[in-house]
Every structure is written in C-alpha cells, then in structure tokens.
Amino acid sequence: MTPEDLFGRLRTRFADVVLARGEVSVSVGPKELLAALEWLRDEDLGFDFLSDLTCSDWPELEPRYWVAYHLLSLAQGHRLRVKVGLAGDDEPHVPSVTARYPTADWFEREAFDFFGVVFDGHPDLRRIEMPEEWTGHPLRKTEPLAGVRTRFVGASIPPPDRRGT
C-alpha cells in the first residue's frame, strides 16, 4: 500500500489525516487514542508493531505537548504516525498503550521522565534515566539548559553564557 493509498483509506475513519513528504500522520484526542489504535491494529491495515513513541513540548501553543506513536505493519510494510495533543498543565495525561503494544513500556517511561507526561494505566510508571529524587523534567522547554545541580560532589556545570574559555 502506498502512502497515498493509506492516506485515502484513513480519511474515511479519521478527521485529521496529513500526507507530507511521503509520510502519513493521524491526530486524535487523548480519549480517542485507544479506540484508534485498536482499529488500526485489528483492521486489515495490520499496524501490529509500535516502533517508537516520542514527545515534544511547545510552550507557546495549545495543546502544549504532543505524543507521537510510530506504527509499522510488519506484514505489509507500511508506516503511520499517530499524534495526540495534550493540555499544557503540569501533569498532562494520556492512556497507556502498553497492553496493546508491549514495546511502549520503556518509551512511555522515557516520556514521563523527560517531559512529565503521565501514562494512565502504565504497569510501572517511574523514571528510567534521571535519578528518582530529581525534580522537574529536563526536556521541557521551561527547564534551564545548564547550571543544574549534579550528583557528583563538588561538580557544577555553569550556564553557557557564564562559562570561561
């Protein structure tokens, strides 16, 4: 199936479908996510593998956070991006997809750790990279680029504008 064919097929089911540079993206709301993924997996489209999940932060926009699910049909070889926009509050929530796609487990933990997105129903939602006692979420645009405390005794990283040569 070509991206153009996939785009045409998805337009009959989803209101927000985009075809750009040979890639197809679908945007759904958080409450529609699980039903949309179930349809995409069980329909003859066969999106049976979640190859990646990532997040982005756009503080000046609403919705502020976007979670992107990159799906692959192993049998048919076509790909799809499913995006979910989340409100810009301190704890954005979206349902976990680990029950349908077990590969989402660590991807969701990473998005939680770095962006603070809470995946409701995740079996073990906790930090995966940062120390448990770390406050904040380092990939949010509102976090400082440098000058944060470190775990190494006596070490510090000054902000870029205060570094010597």
N, C-alpha and C. Protein backbone atom coordinates (compact mmCIF):
# COMPACT_ATOMS: atom_id res chain seq x y z
N MET A 1 0.85 -1.18 0.00
CA MET A 1 0.00 0.00 0.00
C MET A 1 0.89 1.24 0.00
N THR A 2 0.63 2.15 -0.90
CA THR A 2 1.41 3.38 -0.97
C THR A 2 0.94 4.36 0.11
N PRO A 3 1.78 5.35 0.44
CA PRO A 3 1.31 6.37 1.39
C PRO A 3 0.04 7.07 0.92
N GLU A 4 -0.10 7.28 -0.37
CA GLU A 4 -1.31 7.92 -0.90
C GLU A 4 -2.53 7.04 -0.67
N ASP A 5 -2.39 5.72 -0.88
CA ASP A 5 -3.49 4.78 -0.63
C ASP A 5 -3.86 4.77 0.84
N LEU A 6 -2.85 4.73 1.70
CA LEU A 6 -3.08 4.73 3.15
C LEU A 6 -3.77 6.01 3.57
N PHE A 7 -3.33 7.14 3.04
CA PHE A 7 -3.95 8.43 3.34
C PHE A 7 -5.44 8.41 2.98
N GLY A 8 -5.75 7.94 1.79
CA GLY A 8 -7.15 7.86 1.36
C GLY A 8 -7.98 6.95 2.23
N ARG A 9 -7.42 5.83 2.63
CA ARG A 9 -8.13 4.88 3.48
C ARG A 9 -8.41 5.46 4.87
N LEU A 10 -7.42 6.16 5.43
CA LEU A 10 -7.56 6.70 6.78
C LEU A 10 -8.50 7.91 6.82
N ARG A 11 -8.61 8.62 5.72
CA ARG A 11 -9.52 9.79 5.68
C ARG A 11 -10.97 9.39 5.90
N THR A 12 -11.31 8.15 5.61
CA THR A 12 -12.69 7.69 5.82
C THR A 12 -12.99 7.46 7.29
N ARG A 13 -11.94 7.29 8.12
CA ARG A 13 -12.13 6.98 9.55
C ARG A 13 -11.75 8.14 10.47
N PHE A 14 -10.74 8.94 10.08
CA PHE A 14 -10.22 9.99 10.95
C PHE A 14 -10.40 11.36 10.31
N ALA A 15 -10.70 12.35 11.15
CA ALA A 15 -10.93 13.71 10.65
C ALA A 15 -9.63 14.43 10.33
N ASP A 16 -8.56 14.15 11.07
CA ASP A 16 -7.30 14.88 10.91
C ASP A 16 -6.20 13.93 10.42
N VAL A 17 -6.06 13.84 9.10
CA VAL A 17 -5.04 12.99 8.48
C VAL A 17 -4.21 13.88 7.56
N VAL A 18 -2.88 13.72 7.61
CA VAL A 18 -1.98 14.54 6.80
C VAL A 18 -1.03 13.62 6.04
N LEU A 19 -0.81 13.94 4.77
CA LEU A 19 0.20 13.27 3.96
C LEU A 19 1.23 14.33 3.58
N ALA A 20 2.46 14.16 4.07
CA ALA A 20 3.53 15.12 3.78
C ALA A 20 4.84 14.37 3.62
N ARG A 21 5.58 14.68 2.54
CA ARG A 21 6.87 14.05 2.27
C ARG A 21 6.81 12.52 2.29
N GLY A 22 5.71 11.97 1.81
CA GLY A 22 5.55 10.53 1.75
C GLY A 22 5.25 9.85 3.08
N GLU A 23 4.92 10.65 4.11
CA GLU A 23 4.59 10.10 5.43
C GLU A 23 3.17 10.47 5.79
N VAL A 24 2.47 9.53 6.41
CA VAL A 24 1.08 9.74 6.80
C VAL A 24 1.01 9.91 8.31
N SER A 25 0.30 10.94 8.76
CA SER A 25 0.09 11.20 10.19
C SER A 25 -1.38 11.36 10.47
N VAL A 26 -1.80 10.84 11.60
CA VAL A 26 -3.18 10.96 12.08
C VAL A 26 -3.13 11.62 13.45
N SER A 27 -3.97 12.62 13.68
CA SER A 27 -4.06 13.25 15.00
C SER A 27 -5.40 12.88 15.63
N VAL A 28 -5.34 12.43 16.89
CA VAL A 28 -6.54 12.08 17.63
C VAL A 28 -6.45 12.69 19.02
N GLY A 29 -7.58 12.77 19.71
CA GLY A 29 -7.60 13.25 21.08
C GLY A 29 -7.22 12.15 22.05
N PRO A 30 -6.84 12.51 23.27
CA PRO A 30 -6.45 11.51 24.26
C PRO A 30 -7.53 10.47 24.53
N LYS A 31 -8.80 10.89 24.51
CA LYS A 31 -9.89 9.95 24.78
C LYS A 31 -10.15 9.02 23.61
N GLU A 32 -9.70 9.38 22.43
CA GLU A 32 -9.90 8.56 21.23
C GLU A 32 -8.72 7.63 20.96
N LEU A 33 -7.62 7.81 21.67
CA LEU A 33 -6.38 7.11 21.33
C LEU A 33 -6.52 5.60 21.33
N LEU A 34 -7.02 5.01 22.40
CA LEU A 34 -7.06 3.55 22.49
C LEU A 34 -7.96 2.94 21.42
N ALA A 35 -9.10 3.56 21.17
CA ALA A 35 -10.00 3.06 20.13
C ALA A 35 -9.36 3.18 18.75
N ALA A 36 -8.66 4.28 18.52
CA ALA A 36 -8.00 4.48 17.23
C ALA A 36 -6.90 3.44 17.02
N LEU A 37 -6.08 3.20 18.03
CA LEU A 37 -5.01 2.21 17.90
C LEU A 37 -5.56 0.80 17.74
N GLU A 38 -6.64 0.51 18.43
CA GLU A 38 -7.28 -0.80 18.28
C GLU A 38 -7.78 -0.99 16.85
N TRP A 39 -8.41 0.03 16.29
CA TRP A 39 -8.91 -0.05 14.91
C TRP A 39 -7.75 -0.22 13.93
N LEU A 40 -6.68 0.54 14.14
CA LEU A 40 -5.53 0.46 13.24
C LEU A 40 -4.83 -0.89 13.32
N ARG A 41 -4.88 -1.51 14.47
CA ARG A 41 -4.23 -2.81 14.64
C ARG A 41 -5.09 -3.94 14.12
N ASP A 42 -6.37 -3.90 14.39
CA ASP A 42 -7.25 -5.02 14.07
C ASP A 42 -7.86 -4.95 12.68
N GLU A 43 -7.92 -3.79 12.10
CA GLU A 43 -8.42 -3.64 10.74
C GLU A 43 -7.43 -4.33 9.80
N ASP A 44 -7.75 -4.51 8.56
CA ASP A 44 -6.83 -5.19 7.65
C ASP A 44 -5.57 -4.36 7.36
N LEU A 45 -5.47 -3.16 7.96
CA LEU A 45 -4.25 -2.37 7.84
C LEU A 45 -3.10 -3.03 8.59
N GLY A 46 -3.41 -3.69 9.70
CA GLY A 46 -2.45 -4.51 10.42
C GLY A 46 -1.28 -3.78 11.07
N PHE A 47 -1.51 -2.63 11.68
CA PHE A 47 -0.44 -1.93 12.39
C PHE A 47 -0.19 -2.64 13.72
N ASP A 48 0.65 -3.68 13.65
CA ASP A 48 0.83 -4.56 14.79
C ASP A 48 2.11 -4.30 15.59
N PHE A 49 2.89 -3.29 15.21
CA PHE A 49 4.15 -3.04 15.90
C PHE A 49 4.32 -1.55 16.17
N LEU A 50 4.57 -1.22 17.43
CA LEU A 50 4.90 0.16 17.81
C LEU A 50 6.42 0.26 17.79
N SER A 51 6.96 0.96 16.80
CA SER A 51 8.41 1.04 16.67
C SER A 51 9.02 2.16 17.49
N ASP A 52 8.22 3.16 17.84
CA ASP A 52 8.76 4.28 18.61
C ASP A 52 7.61 5.09 19.19
N LEU A 53 7.92 5.76 20.28
CA LEU A 53 7.00 6.72 20.90
C LEU A 53 7.87 7.87 21.35
N THR A 54 7.47 9.08 21.03
CA THR A 54 8.25 10.24 21.44
C THR A 54 7.31 11.37 21.83
N CYS A 55 7.88 12.42 22.37
CA CYS A 55 7.10 13.54 22.85
C CYS A 55 7.78 14.84 22.44
N SER A 56 7.00 15.90 22.32
CA SER A 56 7.56 17.23 22.08
C SER A 56 6.81 18.25 22.92
N ASP A 57 7.47 19.34 23.22
CA ASP A 57 6.93 20.39 24.08
C ASP A 57 6.93 21.71 23.31
N TRP A 58 5.77 22.32 23.20
CA TRP A 58 5.59 23.60 22.51
C TRP A 58 4.90 24.56 23.48
N PRO A 59 5.64 25.20 24.40
CA PRO A 59 5.02 26.01 25.46
C PRO A 59 4.14 27.14 24.95
N GLU A 60 4.42 27.66 23.75
CA GLU A 60 3.65 28.79 23.24
C GLU A 60 2.38 28.35 22.53
N LEU A 61 2.16 27.06 22.38
CA LEU A 61 0.99 26.55 21.66
C LEU A 61 0.03 25.82 22.58
N GLU A 62 -1.17 25.61 22.11
CA GLU A 62 -2.14 24.78 22.81
C GLU A 62 -2.76 23.85 21.78
N PRO A 63 -2.63 22.55 21.90
CA PRO A 63 -2.05 21.84 23.04
C PRO A 63 -0.53 21.99 23.09
N ARG A 64 -0.03 21.98 24.31
CA ARG A 64 1.41 22.22 24.52
C ARG A 64 2.25 20.98 24.21
N TYR A 65 1.81 19.83 24.67
CA TYR A 65 2.58 18.60 24.50
C TYR A 65 1.97 17.75 23.39
N TRP A 66 2.83 17.10 22.62
CA TRP A 66 2.39 16.17 21.59
C TRP A 66 3.13 14.85 21.78
N VAL A 67 2.37 13.77 21.90
CA VAL A 67 2.94 12.43 21.97
C VAL A 67 2.73 11.82 20.59
N ALA A 68 3.81 11.28 20.01
CA ALA A 68 3.75 10.67 18.68
C ALA A 68 4.05 9.19 18.78
N TYR A 69 3.16 8.38 18.23
CA TYR A 69 3.30 6.93 18.19
C TYR A 69 3.63 6.54 16.75
N HIS A 70 4.75 5.85 16.54
CA HIS A 70 5.15 5.44 15.20
C HIS A 70 4.85 3.96 15.03
N LEU A 71 3.90 3.67 14.17
CA LEU A 71 3.41 2.31 13.98
C LEU A 71 3.93 1.72 12.68
N LEU A 72 4.05 0.40 12.66
CA LEU A 72 4.52 -0.32 11.49
C LEU A 72 3.65 -1.55 11.32
N SER A 73 3.29 -1.84 10.09
CA SER A 73 2.65 -3.12 9.75
C SER A 73 3.76 -4.05 9.29
N LEU A 74 4.08 -5.04 10.10
CA LEU A 74 5.16 -5.95 9.74
C LEU A 74 4.82 -6.76 8.49
N ALA A 75 3.58 -7.15 8.35
CA ALA A 75 3.17 -7.97 7.21
C ALA A 75 3.15 -7.17 5.91
N GLN A 76 2.70 -5.91 5.99
CA GLN A 76 2.51 -5.13 4.77
C GLN A 76 3.59 -4.07 4.55
N GLY A 77 4.34 -3.77 5.59
CA GLY A 77 5.47 -2.85 5.44
C GLY A 77 5.14 -1.38 5.41
N HIS A 78 3.91 -0.99 5.71
CA HIS A 78 3.64 0.45 5.71
C HIS A 78 3.70 1.02 7.12
N ARG A 79 3.91 2.33 7.18
CA ARG A 79 4.13 3.04 8.44
C ARG A 79 3.09 4.13 8.64
N LEU A 80 2.92 4.51 9.91
CA LEU A 80 1.95 5.55 10.24
C LEU A 80 2.39 6.22 11.54
N ARG A 81 2.18 7.52 11.62
CA ARG A 81 2.41 8.28 12.85
C ARG A 81 1.04 8.68 13.40
N VAL A 82 0.80 8.37 14.66
CA VAL A 82 -0.42 8.79 15.35
C VAL A 82 0.00 9.80 16.41
N LYS A 83 -0.58 10.99 16.36
CA LYS A 83 -0.21 12.06 17.29
C LYS A 83 -1.39 12.39 18.21
N VAL A 84 -1.05 12.69 19.47
CA VAL A 84 -2.04 13.08 20.46
C VAL A 84 -1.58 14.37 21.12
N GLY A 85 -2.40 15.41 21.05
CA GLY A 85 -2.11 16.67 21.71
C GLY A 85 -2.62 16.67 23.13
N LEU A 86 -1.79 17.18 24.07
CA LEU A 86 -2.16 17.20 25.49
C LEU A 86 -2.10 18.62 26.02
N ALA A 87 -3.01 18.92 26.91
CA ALA A 87 -3.11 20.26 27.50
C ALA A 87 -1.81 20.63 28.21
N GLY A 88 -1.55 21.92 28.31
CA GLY A 88 -0.31 22.44 28.87
C GLY A 88 -0.28 22.56 30.37
N ASP A 89 -0.92 21.65 31.10
CA ASP A 89 -0.85 21.74 32.55
C ASP A 89 0.41 21.04 33.05
N ASP A 90 0.61 21.05 34.37
CA ASP A 90 1.84 20.50 34.94
C ASP A 90 1.93 18.98 34.81
N GLU A 91 0.79 18.31 34.74
CA GLU A 91 0.79 16.85 34.61
C GLU A 91 -0.14 16.44 33.47
N PRO A 92 0.33 16.51 32.24
CA PRO A 92 -0.52 16.07 31.13
C PRO A 92 -0.73 14.56 31.19
N HIS A 93 -1.95 14.13 30.88
CA HIS A 93 -2.31 12.71 30.97
C HIS A 93 -2.74 12.17 29.62
N VAL A 94 -2.38 10.91 29.38
CA VAL A 94 -2.82 10.17 28.20
C VAL A 94 -2.87 8.70 28.61
N PRO A 95 -3.77 7.91 28.03
CA PRO A 95 -3.82 6.49 28.39
C PRO A 95 -2.55 5.74 27.95
N SER A 96 -2.13 4.79 28.75
CA SER A 96 -1.00 3.93 28.38
C SER A 96 -1.45 2.96 27.30
N VAL A 97 -0.54 2.64 26.38
CA VAL A 97 -0.84 1.68 25.32
C VAL A 97 -0.05 0.39 25.49
N THR A 98 0.55 0.18 26.67
CA THR A 98 1.38 -1.00 26.88
C THR A 98 0.61 -2.30 26.78
N ALA A 99 -0.68 -2.30 27.08
CA ALA A 99 -1.47 -3.53 26.96
C ALA A 99 -1.59 -3.96 25.50
N ARG A 100 -1.66 -3.01 24.58
CA ARG A 100 -1.76 -3.32 23.16
C ARG A 100 -0.41 -3.47 22.48
N TYR A 101 0.53 -2.63 22.91
CA TYR A 101 1.87 -2.63 22.33
C TYR A 101 2.89 -2.70 23.48
N PRO A 102 3.37 -3.90 23.83
CA PRO A 102 4.31 -4.03 24.95
C PRO A 102 5.60 -3.21 24.77
N THR A 103 5.99 -2.90 23.54
CA THR A 103 7.19 -2.09 23.33
C THR A 103 7.03 -0.68 23.88
N ALA A 104 5.81 -0.27 24.17
CA ALA A 104 5.56 1.08 24.70
C ALA A 104 6.06 1.24 26.13
N ASP A 105 6.31 0.15 26.82
CA ASP A 105 6.67 0.20 28.24
C ASP A 105 7.78 1.21 28.52
N TRP A 106 8.96 1.02 27.96
CA TRP A 106 10.09 1.91 28.26
C TRP A 106 9.95 3.23 27.54
N PHE A 107 9.33 3.25 26.37
CA PHE A 107 9.10 4.53 25.67
C PHE A 107 8.24 5.46 26.52
N GLU A 108 7.18 4.92 27.12
CA GLU A 108 6.31 5.74 27.97
C GLU A 108 7.05 6.20 29.22
N ARG A 109 7.86 5.34 29.78
CA ARG A 109 8.64 5.74 30.96
C ARG A 109 9.60 6.87 30.61
N GLU A 110 10.20 6.80 29.43
CA GLU A 110 11.12 7.86 29.00
C GLU A 110 10.39 9.18 28.82
N ALA A 111 9.21 9.17 28.19
CA ALA A 111 8.44 10.40 28.01
C ALA A 111 7.97 10.95 29.35
N PHE A 112 7.65 10.07 30.29
CA PHE A 112 7.28 10.50 31.63
C PHE A 112 8.48 11.16 32.32
N ASP A 113 9.62 10.52 32.22
CA ASP A 113 10.83 11.01 32.88
C ASP A 113 11.25 12.37 32.33
N PHE A 114 11.32 12.51 31.03
CA PHE A 114 11.87 13.71 30.42
C PHE A 114 10.86 14.83 30.19
N PHE A 115 9.57 14.49 29.99
CA PHE A 115 8.57 15.51 29.70
C PHE A 115 7.47 15.63 30.76
N GLY A 116 7.35 14.64 31.64
CA GLY A 116 6.33 14.68 32.67
C GLY A 116 4.96 14.24 32.21
N VAL A 117 4.87 13.56 31.07
CA VAL A 117 3.58 13.05 30.59
C VAL A 117 3.23 11.81 31.42
N VAL A 118 2.04 11.82 32.00
CA VAL A 118 1.58 10.70 32.82
C VAL A 118 0.77 9.76 31.92
N PHE A 119 1.19 8.51 31.87
CA PHE A 119 0.51 7.49 31.06
C PHE A 119 -0.38 6.68 31.99
N ASP A 120 -1.65 7.02 32.01
CA ASP A 120 -2.61 6.38 32.91
C ASP A 120 -2.73 4.89 32.59
N GLY A 121 -2.57 4.05 33.62
CA GLY A 121 -2.68 2.61 33.46
C GLY A 121 -1.36 1.93 33.15
N HIS A 122 -0.26 2.68 33.11
CA HIS A 122 1.04 2.06 32.87
C HIS A 122 1.39 1.14 34.04
N PRO A 123 1.92 -0.06 33.78
CA PRO A 123 2.18 -1.01 34.87
C PRO A 123 3.31 -0.62 35.82
N ASP A 124 4.23 0.26 35.41
CA ASP A 124 5.37 0.60 36.26
C ASP A 124 5.91 1.98 35.88
N LEU A 125 5.09 3.00 36.00
CA LEU A 125 5.47 4.34 35.56
C LEU A 125 6.39 4.99 36.60
N ARG A 126 7.68 5.00 36.28
CA ARG A 126 8.68 5.65 37.13
C ARG A 126 9.82 6.08 36.23
N ARG A 127 10.70 6.89 36.78
CA ARG A 127 11.82 7.40 35.99
C ARG A 127 12.67 6.26 35.44
N ILE A 128 13.23 6.50 34.26
CA ILE A 128 14.05 5.47 33.63
C ILE A 128 15.49 5.95 33.42
N GLU A 129 15.72 7.24 33.32
CA GLU A 129 17.06 7.79 33.11
C GLU A 129 17.52 8.67 34.27
N MET A 130 16.66 9.57 34.70
CA MET A 130 17.02 10.52 35.76
C MET A 130 16.90 9.84 37.12
N PRO A 131 17.65 10.33 38.12
CA PRO A 131 17.51 9.76 39.47
C PRO A 131 16.09 9.99 40.00
N GLU A 132 15.60 9.06 40.81
CA GLU A 132 14.24 9.14 41.35
C GLU A 132 13.98 10.46 42.09
N GLU A 133 15.00 10.99 42.77
CA GLU A 133 14.80 12.22 43.56
C GLU A 133 14.89 13.49 42.71
N TRP A 134 15.12 13.36 41.42
CA TRP A 134 15.24 14.53 40.53
C TRP A 134 13.90 15.26 40.48
N THR A 135 13.95 16.57 40.57
CA THR A 135 12.73 17.36 40.43
C THR A 135 12.71 17.98 39.04
N GLY A 136 11.56 17.98 38.44
CA GLY A 136 11.41 18.56 37.11
C GLY A 136 11.57 17.53 36.01
N HIS A 137 11.47 18.01 34.78
CA HIS A 137 11.54 17.16 33.60
C HIS A 137 12.45 17.85 32.60
N PRO A 138 13.66 17.31 32.39
CA PRO A 138 14.72 18.04 31.68
C PRO A 138 14.45 18.41 30.23
N LEU A 139 13.54 17.75 29.53
CA LEU A 139 13.31 18.11 28.13
C LEU A 139 12.14 19.08 27.93
N ARG A 140 11.55 19.52 29.01
CA ARG A 140 10.55 20.59 28.88
C ARG A 140 11.27 21.88 28.52
N LYS A 141 10.67 22.66 27.67
CA LYS A 141 11.31 23.90 27.22
C LYS A 141 11.47 24.91 28.34
N THR A 142 10.76 24.75 29.44
CA THR A 142 10.85 25.68 30.56
C THR A 142 12.00 25.33 31.51
N GLU A 143 12.67 24.22 31.28
CA GLU A 143 13.80 23.83 32.13
C GLU A 143 15.06 24.56 31.67
N PRO A 144 16.00 24.85 32.59
CA PRO A 144 17.25 25.51 32.18
C PRO A 144 18.10 24.58 31.32
N LEU A 145 18.87 25.17 30.42
CA LEU A 145 19.74 24.38 29.55
C LEU A 145 20.95 23.86 30.29
N ALA A 146 21.40 24.57 31.31
CA ALA A 146 22.57 24.14 32.08
C ALA A 146 22.51 24.84 33.43
N GLY A 147 23.52 24.60 34.23
CA GLY A 147 23.56 25.22 35.54
C GLY A 147 22.75 24.47 36.58
N VAL A 148 22.35 23.25 36.27
CA VAL A 148 21.58 22.46 37.23
C VAL A 148 22.52 21.72 38.15
N ARG A 149 22.02 21.37 39.31
CA ARG A 149 22.86 20.64 40.26
C ARG A 149 23.17 19.25 39.68
N THR A 150 24.28 18.69 40.09
CA THR A 150 24.67 17.37 39.62
C THR A 150 24.76 16.43 40.80
N ARG A 151 24.88 15.15 40.51
CA ARG A 151 25.00 14.15 41.56
C ARG A 151 26.45 14.00 42.01
N PHE A 152 27.38 14.63 41.33
CA PHE A 152 28.78 14.49 41.66
C PHE A 152 29.17 15.55 42.68
N VAL A 153 29.74 15.13 43.77
CA VAL A 153 30.10 16.04 44.86
C VAL A 153 31.11 17.07 44.36
N GLY A 154 30.80 18.35 44.56
CA GLY A 154 31.69 19.42 44.20
C GLY A 154 31.67 19.81 42.74
N ALA A 155 30.92 19.13 41.91
CA ALA A 155 30.89 19.43 40.48
C ALA A 155 29.71 20.34 40.17
N SER A 156 29.89 21.20 39.21
CA SER A 156 28.78 22.03 38.73
C SER A 156 29.00 22.33 37.26
N ILE A 157 27.94 22.60 36.58
CA ILE A 157 28.00 22.94 35.16
C ILE A 157 27.39 24.33 35.03
N PRO A 158 28.20 25.36 34.79
CA PRO A 158 27.63 26.71 34.69
C PRO A 158 26.81 26.86 33.41
N PRO A 159 25.87 27.79 33.41
CA PRO A 159 25.12 28.06 32.19
C PRO A 159 26.06 28.47 31.07
N PRO A 160 25.69 28.25 29.81
CA PRO A 160 26.59 28.54 28.69
C PRO A 160 27.12 29.97 28.66
N ASP A 161 26.30 30.95 29.06
CA ASP A 161 26.74 32.33 28.99
C ASP A 161 27.72 32.71 30.12
N ARG A 162 27.95 31.81 31.07
CA ARG A 162 28.88 32.10 32.18
C ARG A 162 30.09 31.18 32.17
N ARG A 163 30.31 30.48 31.08
CA ARG A 163 31.46 29.59 31.03
C ARG A 163 32.70 30.34 30.55
N GLY A 164 33.83 30.05 31.19
CA GLY A 164 35.10 30.66 30.78
C GLY A 164 35.68 29.96 29.56
N THR A 165 36.70 30.52 29.03
CA THR A 165 37.33 29.90 27.85
C THR A 165 38.41 28.93 28.24
